[in-house]
Amino acid sequence: GDGGELERMPCDLSASRVAEAFRVN
């Protein structure tokens, strides 16, 4: 909420699949 980054993790997953997991919830 303050504009900081809580996480910045290496991600070899499909960006579209990750986006869908967040959006559906």
PDB file of all heavy atoms in Angstrom:
ATOM      1  N   GLY A   1       0.795  -1.220   0.000  1.00  0.00           N
ATOM      2  CA  GLY A   1       0.000   0.000   0.000  1.00  0.00           C
ATOM      3  C   GLY A   1       0.825   1.267   0.000  1.00  0.00           C
ATOM      4  O   GLY A   1       0.344   2.330  -0.426  1.00  0.00           O
ATOM      5  N   ASP A   2       2.077   1.194   0.467  1.00  0.00           N
ATOM      6  CA  ASP A   2       2.929   2.390   0.503  1.00  0.00           C
ATOM      7  C   ASP A   2       3.730   2.566  -0.775  1.00  0.00           C
ATOM      8  O   ASP A   2       4.563   3.476  -0.873  1.00  0.00           O
ATOM      9  CB  ASP A   2       3.876   2.319   1.703  1.00  0.00           C
ATOM     10  CG  ASP A   2       4.816   1.116   1.635  1.00  0.00           C
ATOM     11  OD1 ASP A   2       4.611   0.250   0.754  1.00  0.00           O
ATOM     12  OD2 ASP A   2       5.734   1.040   2.477  1.00  0.00           O
ATOM     13  N   GLY A   3       3.495   1.708  -1.773  1.00  0.00           N
ATOM     14  CA  GLY A   3       4.263   1.770  -3.011  1.00  0.00           C
ATOM     15  C   GLY A   3       5.508   0.916  -2.996  1.00  0.00           C
ATOM     16  O   GLY A   3       6.195   0.805  -4.007  1.00  0.00           O
ATOM     17  N   GLY A   4       5.809   0.320  -1.854  1.00  0.00           N
ATOM     18  CA  GLY A   4       6.956  -0.573  -1.773  1.00  0.00           C
ATOM     19  C   GLY A   4       6.639  -1.940  -2.358  1.00  0.00           C
ATOM     20  O   GLY A   4       5.489  -2.251  -2.682  1.00  0.00           O
ATOM     21  N   GLU A   5       7.672  -2.745  -2.496  1.00  0.00           N
ATOM     22  CA  GLU A   5       7.502  -4.084  -3.038  1.00  0.00           C
ATOM     23  C   GLU A   5       7.565  -5.102  -1.911  1.00  0.00           C
ATOM     24  O   GLU A   5       8.573  -5.216  -1.211  1.00  0.00           O
ATOM     25  CB  GLU A   5       8.584  -4.379  -4.078  1.00  0.00           C
ATOM     26  CG  GLU A   5       8.437  -3.541  -5.336  1.00  0.00           C
ATOM     27  CD  GLU A   5       9.481  -3.873  -6.399  1.00  0.00           C
ATOM     28  OE1 GLU A   5      10.382  -4.674  -6.117  1.00  0.00           O
ATOM     29  OE2 GLU A   5       9.377  -3.318  -7.513  1.00  0.00           O
ATOM     30  N   LEU A   6       6.487  -5.855  -1.755  1.00  0.00           N
ATOM     31  CA  LEU A   6       6.447  -6.914  -0.761  1.00  0.00           C
ATOM     32  C   LEU A   6       7.253  -8.119  -1.225  1.00  0.00           C
ATOM     33  O   LEU A   6       7.904  -8.784  -0.420  1.00  0.00           O
ATOM     34  CB  LEU A   6       5.004  -7.332  -0.492  1.00  0.00           C
ATOM     35  CG  LEU A   6       4.062  -6.231  -0.005  1.00  0.00           C
ATOM     36  CD1 LEU A   6       2.629  -6.740   0.036  1.00  0.00           C
ATOM     37  CD2 LEU A   6       4.489  -5.741   1.371  1.00  0.00           C
ATOM     38  N   GLU A   7       7.204  -8.406  -2.510  1.00  0.00           N
ATOM     39  CA  GLU A   7       7.937  -9.539  -3.076  1.00  0.00           C
ATOM     40  C   GLU A   7       8.419  -9.187  -4.476  1.00  0.00           C
ATOM     41  O   GLU A   7       7.775  -8.422  -5.191  1.00  0.00           O
ATOM     42  CB  GLU A   7       7.057 -10.797  -3.165  1.00  0.00           C
ATOM     43  CG  GLU A   7       6.545 -11.325  -1.845  1.00  0.00           C
ATOM     44  CD  GLU A   7       7.633 -11.920  -0.970  1.00  0.00           C
ATOM     45  OE1 GLU A   7       8.767 -12.141  -1.474  1.00  0.00           O
ATOM     46  OE2 GLU A   7       7.368 -12.163   0.216  1.00  0.00           O
ATOM     47  N   ARG A   8       9.548  -9.773  -4.839  1.00  0.00           N
ATOM     48  CA  ARG A   8      10.073  -9.711  -6.210  1.00  0.00           C
ATOM     49  C   ARG A   8      10.781 -11.037  -6.435  1.00  0.00           C
ATOM     50  O   ARG A   8      11.952 -11.198  -6.097  1.00  0.00           O
ATOM     51  CB  ARG A   8      11.014  -8.527  -6.392  1.00  0.00           C
ATOM     52  CG  ARG A   8      11.690  -8.476  -7.760  1.00  0.00           C
ATOM     53  CD  ARG A   8      12.550  -7.241  -7.914  1.00  0.00           C
ATOM     54  NE  ARG A   8      11.741  -6.074  -8.215  1.00  0.00           N
ATOM     55  CZ  ARG A   8      11.386  -5.684  -9.427  1.00  0.00           C
ATOM     56  NH1 ARG A   8      11.774  -6.385 -10.489  1.00  0.00           N
ATOM     57  NH2 ARG A   8      10.650  -4.614  -9.602  1.00  0.00           N
ATOM     58  N   MET A   9      10.049 -12.017  -6.953  1.00  0.00           N
ATOM     59  CA  MET A   9      10.553 -13.385  -7.045  1.00  0.00           C
ATOM     60  C   MET A   9      10.748 -13.830  -8.483  1.00  0.00           C
ATOM     61  O   MET A   9       9.917 -13.524  -9.339  1.00  0.00           O
ATOM     62  CB  MET A   9       9.578 -14.351  -6.364  1.00  0.00           C
ATOM     63  CG  MET A   9       9.634 -14.347  -4.858  1.00  0.00           C
ATOM     64  SD  MET A   9       8.825 -15.833  -4.204  1.00  0.00           S
ATOM     65  CE  MET A   9       9.166 -15.610  -2.462  1.00  0.00           C
ATOM     66  N   PRO A  10      11.835 -14.584  -8.741  1.00  0.00           N
ATOM     67  CA  PRO A  10      11.985 -15.199 -10.070  1.00  0.00           C
ATOM     68  C   PRO A  10      10.769 -16.048 -10.398  1.00  0.00           C
ATOM     69  O   PRO A  10      10.264 -16.789  -9.555  1.00  0.00           O
ATOM     70  CB  PRO A  10      13.245 -16.061  -9.921  1.00  0.00           C
ATOM     71  CG  PRO A  10      14.009 -15.433  -8.806  1.00  0.00           C
ATOM     72  CD  PRO A  10      12.970 -14.902  -7.858  1.00  0.00           C
ATOM     73  N   CYS A  11      10.283 -15.922 -11.625  1.00  0.00           N
ATOM     74  CA  CYS A  11       9.030 -16.583 -12.007  1.00  0.00           C
ATOM     75  C   CYS A  11       9.174 -17.154 -13.410  1.00  0.00           C
ATOM     76  O   CYS A  11       9.178 -16.414 -14.391  1.00  0.00           O
ATOM     77  CB  CYS A  11       7.869 -15.584 -11.943  1.00  0.00           C
ATOM     78  SG  CYS A  11       6.285 -16.258 -12.469  1.00  0.00           S
ATOM     79  N   ASP A  12       9.275 -18.495 -13.495  1.00  0.00           N
ATOM     80  CA  ASP A  12       9.361 -19.143 -14.798  1.00  0.00           C
ATOM     81  C   ASP A  12       8.005 -19.643 -15.276  1.00  0.00           C
ATOM     82  O   ASP A  12       7.915 -20.414 -16.220  1.00  0.00           O
ATOM     83  CB  ASP A  12      10.358 -20.302 -14.762  1.00  0.00           C
ATOM     84  CG  ASP A  12       9.988 -21.359 -13.731  1.00  0.00           C
ATOM     85  OD1 ASP A  12       9.061 -21.117 -12.935  1.00  0.00           O
ATOM     86  OD2 ASP A  12      10.634 -22.426 -13.717  1.00  0.00           O
ATOM     87  N   LEU A  13       6.953 -19.210 -14.603  1.00  0.00           N
ATOM     88  CA  LEU A  13       5.599 -19.639 -14.943  1.00  0.00           C
ATOM     89  C   LEU A  13       5.018 -18.777 -16.057  1.00  0.00           C
ATOM     90  O   LEU A  13       5.506 -17.678 -16.335  1.00  0.00           O
ATOM     91  CB  LEU A  13       4.701 -19.546 -13.704  1.00  0.00           C
ATOM     92  CG  LEU A  13       5.161 -20.335 -12.482  1.00  0.00           C
ATOM     93  CD1 LEU A  13       4.325 -19.949 -11.265  1.00  0.00           C
ATOM     94  CD2 LEU A  13       5.063 -21.836 -12.737  1.00  0.00           C
ATOM     95  N   SER A  14       3.949 -19.274 -16.665  1.00  0.00           N
ATOM     96  CA  SER A  14       3.230 -18.506 -17.678  1.00  0.00           C
ATOM     97  C   SER A  14       2.608 -17.267 -17.034  1.00  0.00           C
ATOM     98  O   SER A  14       1.842 -17.373 -16.073  1.00  0.00           O
ATOM     99  CB  SER A  14       2.144 -19.374 -18.307  1.00  0.00           C
ATOM    100  OG  SER A  14       1.196 -18.586 -18.988  1.00  0.00           O
ATOM    101  N   ALA A  15       2.941 -16.090 -17.565  1.00  0.00           N
ATOM    102  CA  ALA A  15       2.404 -14.848 -17.003  1.00  0.00           C
ATOM    103  C   ALA A  15       0.886 -14.809 -17.098  1.00  0.00           C
ATOM    104  O   ALA A  15       0.211 -14.300 -16.193  1.00  0.00           O
ATOM    105  CB  ALA A  15       3.015 -13.645 -17.722  1.00  0.00           C
ATOM    106  N   SER A  16       0.321 -15.355 -18.165  1.00  0.00           N
ATOM    107  CA  SER A  16      -1.131 -15.336 -18.320  1.00  0.00           C
ATOM    108  C   SER A  16      -1.811 -16.237 -17.290  1.00  0.00           C
ATOM    109  O   SER A  16      -2.888 -15.897 -16.778  1.00  0.00           O
ATOM    110  CB  SER A  16      -1.518 -15.775 -19.734  1.00  0.00           C
ATOM    111  OG  SER A  16      -1.069 -17.092 -20.006  1.00  0.00           O
ATOM    112  N   ARG A  17      -1.193 -17.374 -16.958  1.00  0.00           N
ATOM    113  CA  ARG A  17      -1.762 -18.262 -15.950  1.00  0.00           C
ATOM    114  C   ARG A  17      -1.697 -17.632 -14.565  1.00  0.00           C
ATOM    115  O   ARG A  17      -2.630 -17.739 -13.770  1.00  0.00           O
ATOM    116  CB  ARG A  17      -1.023 -19.605 -15.949  1.00  0.00           C
ATOM    117  CG  ARG A  17      -1.274 -20.459 -17.185  1.00  0.00           C
ATOM    118  CD  ARG A  17      -0.447 -21.736 -17.129  1.00  0.00           C
ATOM    119  NE  ARG A  17      -0.782 -22.509 -15.945  1.00  0.00           N
ATOM    120  CZ  ARG A  17       0.077 -23.315 -15.316  1.00  0.00           C
ATOM    121  NH1 ARG A  17       1.332 -23.403 -15.750  1.00  0.00           N
ATOM    122  NH2 ARG A  17      -0.301 -24.001 -14.260  1.00  0.00           N
ATOM    123  N   VAL A  18      -0.579 -16.968 -14.274  1.00  0.00           N
ATOM    124  CA  VAL A  18      -0.451 -16.285 -12.984  1.00  0.00           C
ATOM    125  C   VAL A  18      -1.477 -15.162 -12.885  1.00  0.00           C
ATOM    126  O   VAL A  18      -2.149 -14.995 -11.853  1.00  0.00           O
ATOM    127  CB  VAL A  18       0.979 -15.740 -12.805  1.00  0.00           C
ATOM    128  CG1 VAL A  18       1.082 -14.923 -11.521  1.00  0.00           C
ATOM    129  CG2 VAL A  18       1.987 -16.886 -12.776  1.00  0.00           C
ATOM    130  N   ALA A  19      -1.615 -14.383 -13.958  1.00  0.00           N
ATOM    131  CA  ALA A  19      -2.590 -13.294 -13.957  1.00  0.00           C
ATOM    132  C   ALA A  19      -3.997 -13.814 -13.724  1.00  0.00           C
ATOM    133  O   ALA A  19      -4.771 -13.230 -12.956  1.00  0.00           O
ATOM    134  CB  ALA A  19      -2.509 -12.536 -15.290  1.00  0.00           C
ATOM    135  N   GLU A  20      -4.361 -14.915 -14.370  1.00  0.00           N
ATOM    136  CA  GLU A  20      -5.698 -15.483 -14.211  1.00  0.00           C
ATOM    137  C   GLU A  20      -5.934 -15.940 -12.784  1.00  0.00           C
ATOM    138  O   GLU A  20      -7.036 -15.764 -12.245  1.00  0.00           O
ATOM    139  CB  GLU A  20      -5.876 -16.654 -15.181  1.00  0.00           C
ATOM    140  CG  GLU A  20      -7.233 -17.339 -15.101  1.00  0.00           C
ATOM    141  CD  GLU A  20      -8.391 -16.417 -15.451  1.00  0.00           C
ATOM    142  OE1 GLU A  20      -8.147 -15.378 -16.104  1.00  0.00           O
ATOM    143  OE2 GLU A  20      -9.533 -16.741 -15.067  1.00  0.00           O
ATOM    144  N   ALA A  21      -4.914 -16.513 -12.131  1.00  0.00           N
ATOM    145  CA  ALA A  21      -5.062 -16.963 -10.751  1.00  0.00           C
ATOM    146  C   ALA A  21      -5.374 -15.790  -9.823  1.00  0.00           C
ATOM    147  O   ALA A  21      -6.195 -15.910  -8.902  1.00  0.00           O
ATOM    148  CB  ALA A  21      -3.799 -17.676 -10.288  1.00  0.00           C
ATOM    149  N   PHE A  22      -4.736 -14.652 -10.050  1.00  0.00           N
ATOM    150  CA  PHE A  22      -5.021 -13.471  -9.230  1.00  0.00           C
ATOM    151  C   PHE A  22      -6.391 -12.894  -9.566  1.00  0.00           C
ATOM    152  O   PHE A  22      -7.179 -12.556  -8.669  1.00  0.00           O
ATOM    153  CB  PHE A  22      -3.934 -12.410  -9.442  1.00  0.00           C
ATOM    154  CG  PHE A  22      -2.693 -12.637  -8.627  1.00  0.00           C
ATOM    155  CD1 PHE A  22      -1.642 -13.394  -9.124  1.00  0.00           C
ATOM    156  CD2 PHE A  22      -2.567 -12.104  -7.362  1.00  0.00           C
ATOM    157  CE1 PHE A  22      -0.494 -13.620  -8.384  1.00  0.00           C
ATOM    158  CE2 PHE A  22      -1.434 -12.299  -6.601  1.00  0.00           C
ATOM    159  CZ  PHE A  22      -0.380 -13.068  -7.112  1.00  0.00           C
ATOM    160  N   ARG A  23      -6.691 -12.774 -10.852  1.00  0.00           N
ATOM    161  CA  ARG A  23      -7.942 -12.130 -11.256  1.00  0.00           C
ATOM    162  C   ARG A  23      -9.164 -12.927 -10.808  1.00  0.00           C
ATOM    163  O   ARG A  23     -10.168 -12.345 -10.379  1.00  0.00           O
ATOM    164  CB  ARG A  23      -7.964 -11.947 -12.772  1.00  0.00           C
ATOM    165  CG  ARG A  23      -7.052 -10.841 -13.273  1.00  0.00           C
ATOM    166  CD  ARG A  23      -6.972 -10.846 -14.778  1.00  0.00           C
ATOM    167  NE  ARG A  23      -6.193  -9.731 -15.302  1.00  0.00           N
ATOM    168  CZ  ARG A  23      -5.492  -9.767 -16.420  1.00  0.00           C
ATOM    169  NH1 ARG A  23      -5.475 -10.876 -17.156  1.00  0.00           N
ATOM    170  NH2 ARG A  23      -4.809  -8.721 -16.825  1.00  0.00           N
ATOM    171  N   VAL A  24      -9.105 -14.250 -10.925  1.00  0.00           N
ATOM    172  CA  VAL A  24     -10.258 -15.068 -10.585  1.00  0.00           C
ATOM    173  C   VAL A  24     -10.585 -14.978  -9.096  1.00  0.00           C
ATOM    174  O   VAL A  24     -11.723 -15.240  -8.693  1.00  0.00           O
ATOM    175  CB  VAL A  24     -10.025 -16.535 -11.016  1.00  0.00           C
ATOM    176  CG1 VAL A  24      -9.076 -17.246 -10.059  1.00  0.00           C
ATOM    177  CG2 VAL A  24     -11.343 -17.290 -11.118  1.00  0.00           C
ATOM    178  N   ASN A  25      -9.598 -14.576  -8.300  1.00  0.00           N
ATOM    179  CA  ASN A  25      -9.829 -14.414  -6.868  1.00  0.00           C
ATOM    180  C   ASN A  25     -10.025 -12.957  -6.463  1.00  0.00           C
ATOM    181  O   ASN A  25     -10.031 -12.634  -5.276  1.00  0.00           O
ATOM    182  CB  ASN A  25      -8.654 -15.005  -6.083  1.00  0.00           C
ATOM    183  CG  ASN A  25      -8.733 -16.516  -5.994  1.00  0.00           C
ATOM    184  OD1 ASN A  25      -9.515 -17.068  -5.224  1.00  0.00           O
ATOM    185  ND2 ASN A  25      -7.932 -17.197  -6.800  1.00  0.00           N
TER     186      ASN A  25
END
